[in-house]
Protein backbone atom coordinates (compact mmCIF):
# COMPACT_ATOMS: atom_id res chain seq x y z
CA UNK A 1 -2.23 -5.30 18.32
CA UNK A 2 -1.71 -3.68 21.70
CA UNK A 3 -0.33 -0.17 21.68
CA UNK A 4 2.11 1.13 24.25
CA UNK A 5 2.46 4.89 23.88
CA UNK A 6 5.81 6.14 22.52
CA UNK A 7 7.90 3.20 23.70
CA UNK A 8 11.55 2.62 22.95
CA UNK A 9 12.85 -0.91 23.29
CA UNK A 10 15.55 0.29 25.68
CA UNK A 11 13.45 2.93 27.44
CA UNK A 12 13.13 2.25 31.14
CA UNK A 13 9.97 4.32 31.27
CA UNK A 14 8.24 1.75 29.08
CA UNK A 15 9.01 -1.14 31.40
CA UNK A 16 6.01 -2.41 33.30
CA UNK A 17 3.55 -0.42 31.20
CA UNK A 18 0.21 -2.21 30.85
CA UNK A 19 -2.08 -2.00 27.84
CA UNK A 20 -5.69 -0.96 28.29
CA UNK A 21 -7.20 -3.46 25.87
CA UNK A 22 -5.97 -6.51 23.93
CA UNK A 23 -6.35 -6.42 20.14
CA UNK A 24 -5.28 -8.76 17.37
CA UNK A 25 -3.19 -8.16 14.28
CA UNK A 26 -2.10 -10.26 11.31
CA UNK A 27 0.46 -9.01 8.82
CA UNK A 28 2.97 -9.88 6.13
CA UNK A 29 6.36 -8.39 5.28
CA UNK A 30 7.59 -9.34 1.82
CA UNK A 31 9.96 -8.67 -1.06
CA UNK A 32 9.48 -9.26 -4.77
CA UNK A 33 12.76 -10.84 -5.95
CA UNK A 34 12.07 -9.84 -9.57
CA UNK A 35 11.60 -6.12 -8.91
CA UNK A 36 13.15 -5.62 -5.48
CA UNK A 37 9.91 -4.08 -4.24
CA UNK A 38 9.35 -4.26 -0.48
CA UNK A 39 6.05 -4.18 1.34
CA UNK A 40 3.97 -4.63 4.45
CA UNK A 41 0.25 -5.43 4.60
CA UNK A 42 -1.80 -5.70 7.78
CA UNK A 43 -5.31 -6.01 9.18
CA UNK A 44 -6.24 -5.36 12.78
CA UNK A 45 -9.07 -4.79 15.22
CA UNK A 46 -7.60 -1.41 16.04
CA UNK A 47 -8.35 2.03 14.71
CA UNK A 48 -5.92 3.22 12.01
CA UNK A 49 -3.49 0.32 12.18
CA UNK A 50 -1.54 1.79 9.28
CA UNK A 51 -0.09 4.51 11.47
CA UNK A 52 1.81 2.05 13.66
CA UNK A 53 2.48 -1.40 12.19
CA UNK A 54 4.02 -0.89 8.70
CA UNK A 55 7.45 0.68 8.21
CA UNK A 56 9.02 0.47 4.74
CA UNK A 57 11.91 2.18 2.95
CA UNK A 58 12.95 1.59 -0.65
CA UNK A 59 16.28 -0.17 -1.00
CA UNK A 60 16.47 -0.74 2.77
CA UNK A 61 13.79 -2.99 4.20
CA UNK A 62 10.36 -3.44 5.74
CA UNK A 63 9.20 -3.88 9.33
CA UNK A 64 5.90 -4.92 10.91
CA UNK A 65 5.70 -4.25 14.64
CA UNK A 66 2.60 -5.53 16.44
CA UNK A 67 1.06 -7.27 19.47
CA UNK A 68 2.23 -5.06 22.37
CA UNK A 69 3.41 -2.54 19.82
CA UNK A 70 6.68 -0.69 20.17
CA UNK A 71 6.67 1.61 17.11
CA UNK A 72 10.38 2.27 17.64
CA UNK A 73 11.11 -1.18 16.21
CA UNK A 74 10.06 0.25 12.85
CA UNK A 75 12.11 3.42 13.04
CA UNK A 76 15.19 1.86 14.59
CA UNK A 77 15.00 -1.31 12.51
CA UNK A 78 15.12 0.70 9.28
CA UNK A 79 17.95 2.82 10.66
CA UNK A 80 20.02 -0.27 11.47
CA UNK A 81 19.37 -1.82 8.06
CA UNK A 82 20.20 1.51 6.39
CA UNK A 83 23.49 1.36 8.25
CA UNK A 84 24.30 -2.04 6.75
CA UNK A 85 22.85 -4.50 9.26
CA UNK A 86 20.87 -7.45 7.94
CA UNK A 87 17.26 -7.87 9.03
CA UNK A 88 18.17 -10.72 11.43
CA UNK A 89 21.00 -8.69 12.97
CA UNK A 90 18.81 -5.58 13.29
CA UNK A 91 15.99 -7.44 14.99
CA UNK A 92 18.35 -9.30 17.32
CA UNK A 93 19.98 -6.04 18.38
CA UNK A 94 16.65 -4.41 19.23
CA UNK A 95 15.29 -7.44 21.06
CA UNK A 96 18.43 -7.64 23.18
CA UNK A 97 17.74 -4.15 24.55
CA UNK A 98 14.01 -4.71 25.13
CA UNK A 99 13.02 -6.12 28.51
CA UNK A 100 9.45 -6.46 27.21
CA UNK A 101 10.54 -8.60 24.24
CA UNK A 102 8.27 -11.50 25.22
CA UNK A 103 5.13 -9.45 24.55
CA UNK A 104 6.35 -8.23 21.14
CA UNK A 105 5.70 -9.59 17.70
CA UNK A 106 8.02 -8.09 15.09
CA UNK A 107 9.01 -9.08 11.56
CA UNK A 108 11.71 -7.59 9.34
CA UNK A 109 12.95 -8.14 5.81
CA UNK A 110 15.89 -6.37 4.19
CA UNK A 111 16.57 -5.41 0.58
CA UNK A 112 18.43 -8.70 0.00
CA UNK A 113 15.41 -10.73 1.12
CA UNK A 114 16.83 -11.81 4.47
CA UNK A 115 13.98 -12.32 6.92
CA UNK A 116 13.70 -12.24 10.71
CA UNK A 117 10.64 -12.58 12.94
CA UNK A 118 10.01 -12.76 16.67
CA UNK A 119 6.83 -13.88 18.42
CA UNK A 120 7.28 -13.46 22.16
CA UNK A 121 6.15 -16.19 24.53
CA UNK A 122 3.63 -13.83 26.13
CA UNK A 123 1.77 -12.97 22.94
CA UNK A 124 -1.93 -13.70 23.36
CA UNK A 125 -2.85 -17.02 21.68
CA UNK A 126 -3.32 -18.05 19.07
CA UNK A 127 -0.06 -16.41 18.04
CA UNK A 128 2.68 -17.47 15.71
CA UNK A 129 4.48 -16.89 12.45
CA UNK A 130 5.76 -18.61 9.31
CA UNK A 131 8.79 -17.70 7.22
CA UNK A 132 9.36 -18.45 3.55
CA UNK A 133 11.54 -17.18 0.74
CA UNK A 134 11.34 -13.39 0.72
CA UNK A 135 8.49 -13.13 3.23
CA UNK A 136 7.26 -13.60 6.76
CA UNK A 137 3.66 -13.82 7.99
CA UNK A 138 2.75 -13.28 11.64
CA UNK A 139 -0.39 -13.08 13.73
CA UNK A 140 -1.52 -12.82 17.31
CA UNK A 141 -4.82 -13.22 19.15
CA UNK A 142 -6.18 -15.30 16.30
CA UNK A 143 -9.16 -17.61 16.37
CA UNK A 144 -6.88 -20.59 15.75
CA UNK A 145 -3.37 -21.62 14.74
CA UNK A 146 -4.51 -22.12 11.14
CA UNK A 147 -4.14 -18.44 10.30
CA UNK A 148 -0.43 -17.95 9.56
CA UNK A 149 -0.04 -21.25 7.64
CA UNK A 150 -2.99 -20.19 5.47
CA UNK A 151 -1.33 -16.81 4.87
CA UNK A 152 1.95 -18.43 3.84
CA UNK A 153 0.27 -20.83 1.42
CA UNK A 154 -1.82 -18.07 -0.14
CA UNK A 155 1.16 -15.76 -0.65
CA UNK A 156 3.26 -18.50 -2.23
CA UNK A 157 0.46 -19.55 -4.60
CA UNK A 158 -0.78 -16.08 -5.53
CA UNK A 159 -0.06 -14.36 -8.84
CA UNK A 160 0.21 -10.70 -9.68
CA UNK A 161 2.45 -8.02 -8.26
CA UNK A 162 3.60 -7.76 -4.66
CA UNK A 163 0.51 -5.82 -3.56
CA UNK A 164 -1.82 -8.43 -5.05
CA UNK A 165 0.07 -11.30 -3.42
CA UNK A 166 0.08 -9.65 0.00
CA UNK A 167 -3.66 -9.02 -0.29
CA UNK A 168 -4.11 -12.71 -1.00
CA UNK A 169 -2.32 -13.50 2.27
CA UNK A 170 -4.58 -11.16 4.24
CA UNK A 171 -7.71 -12.57 2.62
CA UNK A 172 -6.56 -16.10 3.48
CA UNK A 173 -6.09 -15.15 7.12
CA UNK A 174 -9.61 -13.81 7.32
CA UNK A 175 -11.05 -16.81 5.48
CA UNK A 176 -9.31 -19.15 7.94
CA UNK A 177 -11.08 -17.48 10.85
CA UNK A 178 -9.03 -14.37 11.47
CA UNK A 179 -9.16 -12.74 14.86
CA UNK A 180 -11.27 -13.50 17.90
CA UNK A 181 -12.53 -9.92 18.27
CA UNK A 182 -13.36 -8.81 14.77
CA UNK A 183 -11.80 -6.43 12.30
CA UNK A 184 -11.58 -2.68 11.94
CA UNK A 185 -8.67 -1.35 9.91
CA UNK A 186 -6.09 -2.38 7.33
CA UNK A 187 -3.11 -0.96 5.49
CA UNK A 188 -0.75 -1.78 2.65
CA UNK A 189 2.55 -0.12 1.76
CA UNK A 190 4.81 -1.07 -1.18
CA UNK A 191 7.97 0.76 -2.25
CA UNK A 192 10.13 0.51 -5.35
CA UNK A 193 13.16 -1.73 -5.52
CA UNK A 194 15.52 1.11 -6.38
CA UNK A 195 15.30 4.25 -4.24
CA UNK A 196 15.11 7.55 -6.08
CA UNK A 197 16.08 9.69 -3.11
CA UNK A 198 12.51 10.97 -2.90
CA UNK A 199 10.44 8.89 -0.48
CA UNK A 200 7.17 10.13 -1.98
CA UNK A 201 8.22 8.86 -5.40
CA UNK A 202 9.38 5.51 -4.06
CA UNK A 203 5.95 4.64 -2.62
CA UNK A 204 3.98 2.69 -5.20
CA UNK A 205 1.17 1.95 -2.73
CA UNK A 206 0.55 3.74 0.56
CA UNK A 207 -3.03 2.88 1.47
CA UNK A 208 -4.98 2.85 4.72
CA UNK A 209 -8.48 1.88 5.74
CA UNK A 210 -8.78 3.41 9.18
CA UNK A 211 -12.25 2.26 10.21
CA UNK A 212 -14.49 -0.13 8.30
CA UNK A 213 -16.76 -3.11 8.86
CA UNK A 214 -14.96 -4.77 5.93
CA UNK A 215 -11.45 -3.33 5.87
CA UNK A 216 -9.98 -5.91 3.50
CA UNK A 217 -12.69 -5.40 0.89
CA UNK A 218 -12.12 -1.66 1.04
CA UNK A 219 -8.34 -2.10 0.93
CA UNK A 220 -8.65 -4.24 -2.21
CA UNK A 221 -10.82 -1.56 -3.85
CA UNK A 222 -8.17 1.05 -3.05
CA UNK A 223 -5.39 -1.16 -4.40
CA UNK A 224 -7.28 -1.50 -7.68
CA UNK A 225 -7.77 2.26 -7.83
CA UNK A 226 -4.08 2.85 -7.10
CA UNK A 227 -3.15 0.41 -9.87
CA UNK A 228 -5.25 2.55 -12.22
CA UNK A 229 -3.65 5.79 -11.11
CA UNK A 230 -0.22 4.21 -11.49
CA UNK A 231 -1.14 3.49 -15.11
CA UNK A 232 -2.28 7.10 -15.52
CA UNK A 233 1.01 8.38 -14.11
CA UNK A 234 2.95 6.08 -16.44
CA UNK A 235 0.87 7.42 -19.32
CA UNK A 236 1.65 11.01 -18.39
CA UNK A 237 5.35 10.17 -18.27
CA UNK A 238 5.11 8.56 -21.70
CA UNK A 239 3.49 11.74 -23.04
CA UNK A 240 6.40 13.77 -21.71
CA UNK A 241 8.74 11.36 -23.51
CA UNK A 242 6.77 11.74 -26.76
CA UNK A 243 5.78 8.07 -26.72
CA UNK A 244 2.13 8.51 -27.61
CA UNK A 245 1.27 4.88 -28.23
CA UNK A 246 2.66 3.77 -24.87
CA UNK A 247 0.80 6.64 -23.21
CA UNK A 248 -2.50 5.60 -24.75
CA UNK A 249 -1.88 1.98 -23.78
CA UNK A 250 -1.38 3.05 -20.16
CA UNK A 251 -4.52 5.22 -20.21
CA UNK A 252 -6.57 2.35 -21.62
CA UNK A 253 -5.24 0.02 -18.93
CA UNK A 254 -6.36 2.50 -16.28
CA UNK A 255 -9.84 2.76 -17.79
CA UNK A 256 -10.22 -1.02 -17.81
CA UNK A 257 -9.57 -1.15 -14.07
CA UNK A 258 -12.02 1.63 -13.15
CA UNK A 259 -14.28 2.18 -16.17
CA UNK A 260 -16.66 4.55 -14.39
CA UNK A 261 -13.97 6.98 -13.23
CA UNK A 262 -14.66 10.30 -14.98
CA UNK A 263 -11.31 11.80 -13.99
CA UNK A 264 -9.29 9.20 -15.86
CA UNK A 265 -11.50 9.26 -18.95
CA UNK A 266 -11.29 13.07 -19.06
CA UNK A 267 -7.49 13.30 -18.96
CA UNK A 268 -7.23 10.50 -21.50
CA UNK A 269 -9.40 12.64 -23.80
CA UNK A 270 -7.26 15.71 -23.13
CA UNK A 271 -4.14 13.74 -24.05
CA UNK A 272 -5.73 12.63 -27.32
CA UNK A 273 -6.54 16.24 -28.26
CA UNK A 274 -2.96 17.29 -27.53
CA UNK A 275 -1.75 14.45 -29.73
CA UNK A 276 -3.80 15.89 -32.58
CA UNK A 277 -6.48 13.19 -32.39
CA UNK A 278 -9.64 15.12 -31.38
CA UNK A 279 -11.98 12.74 -33.24
CA UNK A 280 -10.96 9.95 -30.85
CA UNK A 281 -11.29 12.28 -27.88
CA UNK A 282 -14.84 13.49 -28.50
CA UNK A 283 -16.63 10.25 -27.45
CA UNK A 284 -14.60 10.22 -24.25
CA UNK A 285 -15.50 13.82 -23.47
CA UNK A 286 -19.16 13.02 -24.01
CA UNK A 287 -18.94 10.14 -21.53
CA UNK A 288 -17.46 12.45 -18.93
CA UNK A 289 -19.96 15.26 -19.50
CA UNK A 290 -22.80 12.75 -19.13
CA UNK A 291 -21.46 11.86 -15.69
CA UNK A 292 -21.05 15.47 -14.56
CA UNK A 293 -21.62 18.56 -16.74
CA UNK A 294 -19.21 20.60 -14.61
CA UNK A 295 -16.36 19.08 -16.60
CA UNK A 296 -17.57 21.27 -19.46
CA UNK A 297 -16.76 24.32 -17.35
CA UNK A 298 -13.22 23.09 -16.82
CA UNK A 299 -12.36 22.44 -20.45
CA UNK A 300 -12.05 26.06 -21.76
CA UNK A 301 -9.99 26.92 -18.68
CA UNK A 302 -7.40 24.36 -19.72
CA UNK A 303 -6.98 26.17 -23.04
CA UNK A 304 -6.29 29.41 -21.19
CA UNK A 305 -3.33 27.89 -19.34
CA UNK A 306 -1.88 25.90 -22.23
CA UNK A 307 -3.16 22.43 -21.29
CA UNK A 308 -5.35 22.34 -24.42
CA UNK A 309 -4.87 24.19 -27.73
CA UNK A 310 -6.20 27.75 -27.54
CA UNK A 311 -8.55 27.17 -30.46
CA UNK A 312 -12.15 28.39 -29.94
CA UNK A 313 -13.51 26.14 -32.70
CA UNK A 314 -11.89 23.11 -31.17
CA UNK A 315 -13.16 23.95 -27.68
CA UNK A 316 -16.64 24.53 -29.07
CA UNK A 317 -16.56 21.15 -30.79
CA UNK A 318 -15.78 19.58 -27.40
CA UNK A 319 -18.17 21.43 -25.09
CA UNK A 320 -20.78 22.90 -27.45
CA UNK A 321 -21.78 26.44 -26.48
CA UNK A 322 -18.64 28.22 -25.20
CA UNK A 323 -18.50 28.52 -21.42
CA UNK A 324 -17.46 31.64 -19.54
């Protein structure tokens, strides 16, 4: 990735601007045809790549803008698709106005799965892309031309949800040799298939590794943790809907993903107490208190604000000697 500050594809002030340093990027834009989810995943030898490359909006599309980066391709591409343009039409319109198009690498996918990608002739080799059903992979300044074919094959053969499959593509790129300068940051964004009107609700994954010697390993750890929290959130929703068994199933799924996470075990125990099942909750509380005794201090405070029954005997059975 090469960053040009605040460029617009049709901005005369951006013409002739020269980057200070060449950096690589490989990325994937993709759609899950079963759920309609849209996503972008990327790794780069550039600090905080997630602030520039990925642009995603539920029900609209996804954009990855890289190489000599013009971030406006993300903003304007989504605007055009929101206005009814297909991804190919949106990209073509922006490229037509960009005199620096030959140094760009941009990929777009819309909510219908239509894909468009552009790798300019002046991208630093090895540079290229591959397009398949509901996805595009693209890379520049790679060690070899094996990178984007490896990404495409990995994505097509991977199982799991969209985040898992995109991670497989990134891992394949690195395993095939990756960049010629190393690696520093990574990001992954996935949004729901149906927009709710609240962008913060639509984002299933919004993860960044800004600076790491092993950004993909750290990104995968964060994806696993986000999976667990998504299960916790689904469990909380089930509690609100009085579906206790579904709630407990979601909480157990979260615990299986991150078994040493005290936070998740604690709130699972709290839910059990509120379901009238304190006997099942007590072993979970003990696990949490063994990790950090400060959780004992929190428990009576929950009773004071209605998040646990205001029953001194019950609280004492959980924490032992009452806390002040």
